[in-house]
Amino acid sequence: MVSTPRTSSALVSATDSWHFPRLELAQAYLRMFAIGLTSARAIFAKRRMGKSEFLEQDLIPAVQAAGYHTPYLNLWDAREAPTTALVSSSSRRWRRAASLRCWNG
């Protein structure tokens, strides 16, 4: 599933007392992409540590604002068929990016 962030981190932190914004960490990842140290990133930790929240509310909005494409898949939600879910997520994201390029000229 391609993630569409619900809202920006600044808005969430003002209304969601449970969200701990990690904007500096998101910017650090963004700098690694920008200077070419990496072209992809995987985040691993035990369950319920805030990985998805960080991605959806901090990192994805930052990298999308910088013009990067962001296919997103939560493998925990795709336990039954992770390979199919990964291919589907990437395919939807790239089709969407191609249609935006066509639409914008």
N, C-alpha and C. Protein backbone atom coordinates (compact mmCIF):
# COMPACT_ATOMS: atom_id res chain seq x y z
N MET A 1 0.84 -1.17 0.00
CA MET A 1 0.00 0.00 0.00
C MET A 1 0.89 1.24 0.00
N VAL A 2 0.63 2.14 -0.87
CA VAL A 2 1.36 3.40 -0.92
C VAL A 2 0.77 4.31 0.14
N SER A 3 1.62 4.86 0.94
CA SER A 3 1.15 5.71 2.03
C SER A 3 0.88 7.11 1.54
N THR A 4 -0.23 7.64 1.95
CA THR A 4 -0.52 9.05 1.78
C THR A 4 -0.61 9.62 3.19
N PRO A 5 0.37 10.41 3.59
CA PRO A 5 0.36 10.92 4.96
C PRO A 5 -0.92 11.65 5.28
N ARG A 6 -1.42 11.43 6.49
CA ARG A 6 -2.66 12.06 6.91
C ARG A 6 -2.51 13.57 7.02
N THR A 7 -1.37 14.02 7.49
CA THR A 7 -1.15 15.44 7.67
C THR A 7 0.33 15.67 7.93
N SER A 8 0.77 16.90 7.93
CA SER A 8 2.18 17.18 8.18
C SER A 8 2.51 17.04 9.65
N SER A 9 3.78 16.84 9.94
CA SER A 9 4.22 16.65 11.32
C SER A 9 3.89 17.85 12.19
N ALA A 10 4.03 19.04 11.63
CA ALA A 10 3.77 20.24 12.43
C ALA A 10 2.32 20.28 12.88
N LEU A 11 1.41 19.89 11.99
CA LEU A 11 -0.01 19.88 12.37
C LEU A 11 -0.31 18.76 13.35
N VAL A 12 0.31 17.60 13.14
CA VAL A 12 0.05 16.47 14.02
C VAL A 12 0.54 16.77 15.42
N SER A 13 1.75 17.30 15.55
CA SER A 13 2.29 17.55 16.87
C SER A 13 1.46 18.56 17.65
N ALA A 14 0.79 19.46 16.95
CA ALA A 14 -0.03 20.45 17.63
C ALA A 14 -1.34 19.84 18.12
N THR A 15 -1.82 18.79 17.44
CA THR A 15 -3.12 18.23 17.80
C THR A 15 -3.02 16.83 18.39
N ASP A 16 -1.92 16.13 18.18
CA ASP A 16 -1.76 14.75 18.64
C ASP A 16 -0.69 14.72 19.72
N SER A 17 -1.10 14.66 20.95
CA SER A 17 -0.14 14.70 22.05
C SER A 17 0.71 13.44 22.12
N TRP A 18 0.35 12.38 21.38
CA TRP A 18 1.12 11.14 21.39
C TRP A 18 2.24 11.14 20.35
N HIS A 19 2.17 12.02 19.37
CA HIS A 19 3.21 12.04 18.33
C HIS A 19 4.42 12.84 18.81
N PHE A 20 5.57 12.22 18.68
CA PHE A 20 6.83 12.89 18.99
C PHE A 20 7.52 13.17 17.66
N PRO A 21 7.45 14.40 17.16
CA PRO A 21 8.03 14.71 15.86
C PRO A 21 9.55 14.48 15.85
N ARG A 22 10.01 13.82 14.81
CA ARG A 22 11.45 13.59 14.64
C ARG A 22 11.87 14.21 13.32
N LEU A 23 11.63 15.50 13.21
CA LEU A 23 11.92 16.22 11.98
C LEU A 23 13.41 16.30 11.69
N GLU A 24 14.24 16.43 12.72
CA GLU A 24 15.69 16.48 12.51
C GLU A 24 16.20 15.14 11.98
N LEU A 25 15.66 14.04 12.48
CA LEU A 25 16.04 12.73 11.98
C LEU A 25 15.60 12.57 10.54
N ALA A 26 14.40 13.02 10.21
CA ALA A 26 13.91 12.97 8.83
C ALA A 26 14.83 13.78 7.92
N GLN A 27 15.25 14.94 8.36
CA GLN A 27 16.15 15.78 7.54
C GLN A 27 17.52 15.11 7.39
N ALA A 28 17.98 14.40 8.41
CA ALA A 28 19.26 13.68 8.30
C ALA A 28 19.17 12.60 7.23
N TYR A 29 18.07 11.84 7.22
CA TYR A 29 17.87 10.84 6.17
C TYR A 29 17.81 11.53 4.80
N LEU A 30 17.10 12.63 4.72
CA LEU A 30 16.98 13.35 3.46
C LEU A 30 18.35 13.82 2.95
N ARG A 31 19.20 14.30 3.84
CA ARG A 31 20.55 14.71 3.44
C ARG A 31 21.35 13.53 2.89
N MET A 32 21.18 12.33 3.50
CA MET A 32 21.88 11.14 2.98
C MET A 32 21.43 10.81 1.57
N PHE A 33 20.13 10.97 1.28
CA PHE A 33 19.64 10.74 -0.07
C PHE A 33 20.20 11.80 -1.02
N ALA A 34 20.18 13.05 -0.59
CA ALA A 34 20.57 14.17 -1.45
C ALA A 34 22.04 14.10 -1.87
N ILE A 35 22.92 13.66 -0.98
CA ILE A 35 24.34 13.62 -1.33
C ILE A 35 24.76 12.27 -1.91
N GLY A 36 23.80 11.35 -2.05
CA GLY A 36 24.08 10.09 -2.71
C GLY A 36 24.67 9.00 -1.85
N LEU A 37 24.62 9.15 -0.52
CA LEU A 37 25.13 8.09 0.34
C LEU A 37 24.27 6.83 0.27
N THR A 38 23.00 7.00 -0.07
CA THR A 38 22.08 5.86 -0.16
C THR A 38 20.95 6.22 -1.11
N SER A 39 20.34 5.20 -1.70
CA SER A 39 19.18 5.44 -2.57
C SER A 39 17.93 4.77 -1.99
N ALA A 40 18.10 4.04 -0.91
CA ALA A 40 16.96 3.38 -0.27
C ALA A 40 17.28 3.25 1.22
N ARG A 41 16.26 3.06 2.00
CA ARG A 41 16.46 2.96 3.45
C ARG A 41 15.44 1.99 4.02
N ALA A 42 15.89 1.10 4.86
CA ALA A 42 15.01 0.20 5.60
C ALA A 42 15.17 0.55 7.08
N ILE A 43 14.08 0.52 7.80
CA ILE A 43 14.12 0.83 9.23
C ILE A 43 13.63 -0.39 9.98
N PHE A 44 14.47 -0.89 10.87
CA PHE A 44 14.14 -2.09 11.64
C PHE A 44 14.13 -1.76 13.12
N ALA A 45 13.15 -2.27 13.82
CA ALA A 45 13.07 -2.18 15.28
C ALA A 45 11.96 -3.13 15.73
N LYS A 46 11.89 -3.36 17.02
CA LYS A 46 10.81 -4.19 17.55
C LYS A 46 9.47 -3.53 17.26
N ARG A 47 8.41 -4.29 17.39
CA ARG A 47 7.07 -3.76 17.17
C ARG A 47 6.77 -2.67 18.19
N ARG A 48 5.91 -1.73 17.75
CA ARG A 48 5.38 -0.67 18.62
C ARG A 48 6.45 0.33 19.08
N MET A 49 7.46 0.56 18.22
CA MET A 49 8.53 1.50 18.56
C MET A 49 8.38 2.83 17.83
N GLY A 50 7.37 2.96 16.93
CA GLY A 50 7.14 4.23 16.25
C GLY A 50 7.69 4.32 14.84
N LYS A 51 8.07 3.18 14.25
CA LYS A 51 8.64 3.21 12.90
C LYS A 51 7.64 3.74 11.89
N SER A 52 6.44 3.17 11.86
CA SER A 52 5.43 3.59 10.88
C SER A 52 5.03 5.04 11.09
N GLU A 53 4.88 5.44 12.33
CA GLU A 53 4.51 6.83 12.62
C GLU A 53 5.59 7.79 12.13
N PHE A 54 6.86 7.44 12.38
CA PHE A 54 7.96 8.28 11.90
C PHE A 54 7.92 8.39 10.37
N LEU A 55 7.74 7.25 9.70
CA LEU A 55 7.70 7.27 8.24
C LEU A 55 6.53 8.09 7.73
N GLU A 56 5.33 7.82 8.25
CA GLU A 56 4.12 8.45 7.73
C GLU A 56 4.01 9.93 8.08
N GLN A 57 4.52 10.33 9.23
CA GLN A 57 4.28 11.69 9.67
C GLN A 57 5.51 12.60 9.60
N ASP A 58 6.68 12.01 9.49
CA ASP A 58 7.89 12.84 9.46
C ASP A 58 8.70 12.64 8.17
N LEU A 59 9.13 11.41 7.90
CA LEU A 59 10.04 11.17 6.78
C LEU A 59 9.36 11.28 5.42
N ILE A 60 8.24 10.61 5.22
CA ILE A 60 7.59 10.64 3.90
C ILE A 60 7.20 12.06 3.49
N PRO A 61 6.59 12.87 4.36
CA PRO A 61 6.30 14.25 3.93
C PRO A 61 7.57 15.03 3.58
N ALA A 62 8.66 14.81 4.30
CA ALA A 62 9.90 15.54 4.02
C ALA A 62 10.49 15.14 2.67
N VAL A 63 10.52 13.84 2.38
CA VAL A 63 11.13 13.42 1.11
C VAL A 63 10.21 13.73 -0.07
N GLN A 64 8.90 13.67 0.12
CA GLN A 64 7.99 14.06 -0.96
C GLN A 64 8.12 15.55 -1.26
N ALA A 65 8.27 16.36 -0.23
CA ALA A 65 8.44 17.80 -0.43
C ALA A 65 9.73 18.10 -1.20
N ALA A 66 10.72 17.21 -1.05
CA ALA A 66 11.99 17.38 -1.76
C ALA A 66 11.95 16.78 -3.17
N GLY A 67 10.81 16.20 -3.55
CA GLY A 67 10.64 15.69 -4.90
C GLY A 67 10.95 14.21 -5.11
N TYR A 68 11.17 13.48 -4.04
CA TYR A 68 11.43 12.05 -4.15
C TYR A 68 10.12 11.27 -4.25
N HIS A 69 10.18 10.10 -4.89
CA HIS A 69 9.03 9.19 -4.94
C HIS A 69 9.11 8.27 -3.73
N THR A 70 7.96 7.98 -3.14
CA THR A 70 7.97 7.24 -1.88
C THR A 70 6.99 6.07 -1.86
N PRO A 71 7.34 4.96 -2.52
CA PRO A 71 6.49 3.79 -2.29
C PRO A 71 6.67 3.35 -0.84
N TYR A 72 5.60 2.95 -0.21
CA TYR A 72 5.65 2.57 1.20
C TYR A 72 4.85 1.30 1.40
N LEU A 73 5.43 0.37 2.14
CA LEU A 73 4.75 -0.89 2.43
C LEU A 73 5.05 -1.28 3.86
N ASN A 74 4.03 -1.48 4.64
CA ASN A 74 4.18 -1.99 5.98
C ASN A 74 4.07 -3.51 5.88
N LEU A 75 5.20 -4.21 5.98
CA LEU A 75 5.20 -5.66 5.80
C LEU A 75 4.40 -6.39 6.86
N TRP A 76 4.20 -5.78 8.01
CA TRP A 76 3.38 -6.42 9.04
C TRP A 76 1.93 -6.56 8.53
N ASP A 77 1.48 -5.57 7.79
CA ASP A 77 0.12 -5.62 7.23
C ASP A 77 0.03 -6.52 6.01
N ALA A 78 1.17 -6.96 5.48
CA ALA A 78 1.19 -7.77 4.27
C ALA A 78 1.79 -9.15 4.53
N ARG A 79 1.56 -9.70 5.71
CA ARG A 79 2.18 -10.98 6.08
C ARG A 79 1.78 -12.13 5.17
N GLU A 80 0.56 -12.12 4.66
CA GLU A 80 0.07 -13.23 3.84
C GLU A 80 0.79 -13.33 2.50
N ALA A 81 1.09 -12.20 1.88
CA ALA A 81 1.72 -12.20 0.55
C ALA A 81 2.65 -11.00 0.42
N PRO A 82 3.78 -10.99 1.13
CA PRO A 82 4.64 -9.80 1.12
C PRO A 82 5.22 -9.48 -0.26
N THR A 83 5.56 -10.49 -1.04
CA THR A 83 6.13 -10.22 -2.37
C THR A 83 5.12 -9.54 -3.26
N THR A 84 3.91 -10.05 -3.28
CA THR A 84 2.85 -9.46 -4.09
C THR A 84 2.57 -8.03 -3.64
N ALA A 85 2.52 -7.82 -2.34
CA ALA A 85 2.25 -6.48 -1.80
C ALA A 85 3.36 -5.51 -2.18
N LEU A 86 4.61 -5.96 -2.14
CA LEU A 86 5.74 -5.09 -2.49
C LEU A 86 5.68 -4.69 -3.97
N VAL A 87 5.43 -5.66 -4.84
CA VAL A 87 5.35 -5.35 -6.27
C VAL A 87 4.17 -4.42 -6.54
N SER A 88 3.04 -4.69 -5.91
CA SER A 88 1.84 -3.87 -6.11
C SER A 88 2.07 -2.43 -5.62
N SER A 89 2.68 -2.29 -4.45
CA SER A 89 2.94 -0.96 -3.89
C SER A 89 3.85 -0.15 -4.80
N SER A 90 4.92 -0.76 -5.24
CA SER A 90 5.87 -0.06 -6.12
C SER A 90 5.22 0.28 -7.45
N SER A 91 4.48 -0.66 -7.99
CA SER A 91 3.82 -0.44 -9.28
C SER A 91 2.84 0.72 -9.22
N ARG A 92 2.01 0.76 -8.17
CA ARG A 92 1.04 1.86 -8.02
C ARG A 92 1.76 3.20 -7.90
N ARG A 93 2.83 3.23 -7.13
CA ARG A 93 3.55 4.49 -6.91
C ARG A 93 4.17 4.99 -8.21
N TRP A 94 4.77 4.10 -9.00
CA TRP A 94 5.42 4.53 -10.23
C TRP A 94 4.40 4.92 -11.29
N ARG A 95 3.25 4.23 -11.33
CA ARG A 95 2.19 4.64 -12.27
C ARG A 95 1.69 6.02 -11.90
N ARG A 96 1.53 6.27 -10.60
CA ARG A 96 1.07 7.59 -10.15
C ARG A 96 2.08 8.66 -10.51
N ALA A 97 3.37 8.37 -10.32
CA ALA A 97 4.42 9.35 -10.66
C ALA A 97 4.42 9.62 -12.16
N ALA A 98 4.24 8.59 -12.97
CA ALA A 98 4.22 8.78 -14.42
C ALA A 98 3.03 9.61 -14.84
N SER A 99 1.87 9.38 -14.24
CA SER A 99 0.69 10.16 -14.61
C SER A 99 0.84 11.62 -14.19
N LEU A 100 1.51 11.88 -13.09
CA LEU A 100 1.74 13.26 -12.66
C LEU A 100 2.69 13.97 -13.62
N ARG A 101 3.71 13.26 -14.10
CA ARG A 101 4.63 13.85 -15.07
C ARG A 101 3.91 14.19 -16.35
N CYS A 102 3.03 13.27 -16.81
CA CYS A 102 2.25 13.53 -18.04
C CYS A 102 1.32 14.71 -17.84
N TRP A 103 0.67 14.77 -16.69
CA TRP A 103 -0.29 15.82 -16.40
C TRP A 103 0.40 17.18 -16.32
N ASN A 104 1.60 17.20 -15.69
CA ASN A 104 2.31 18.46 -15.49
C ASN A 104 3.16 18.87 -16.68
N GLY A 105 3.17 18.08 -17.71
CA GLY A 105 3.91 18.47 -18.90
C GLY A 105 5.10 17.65 -19.07
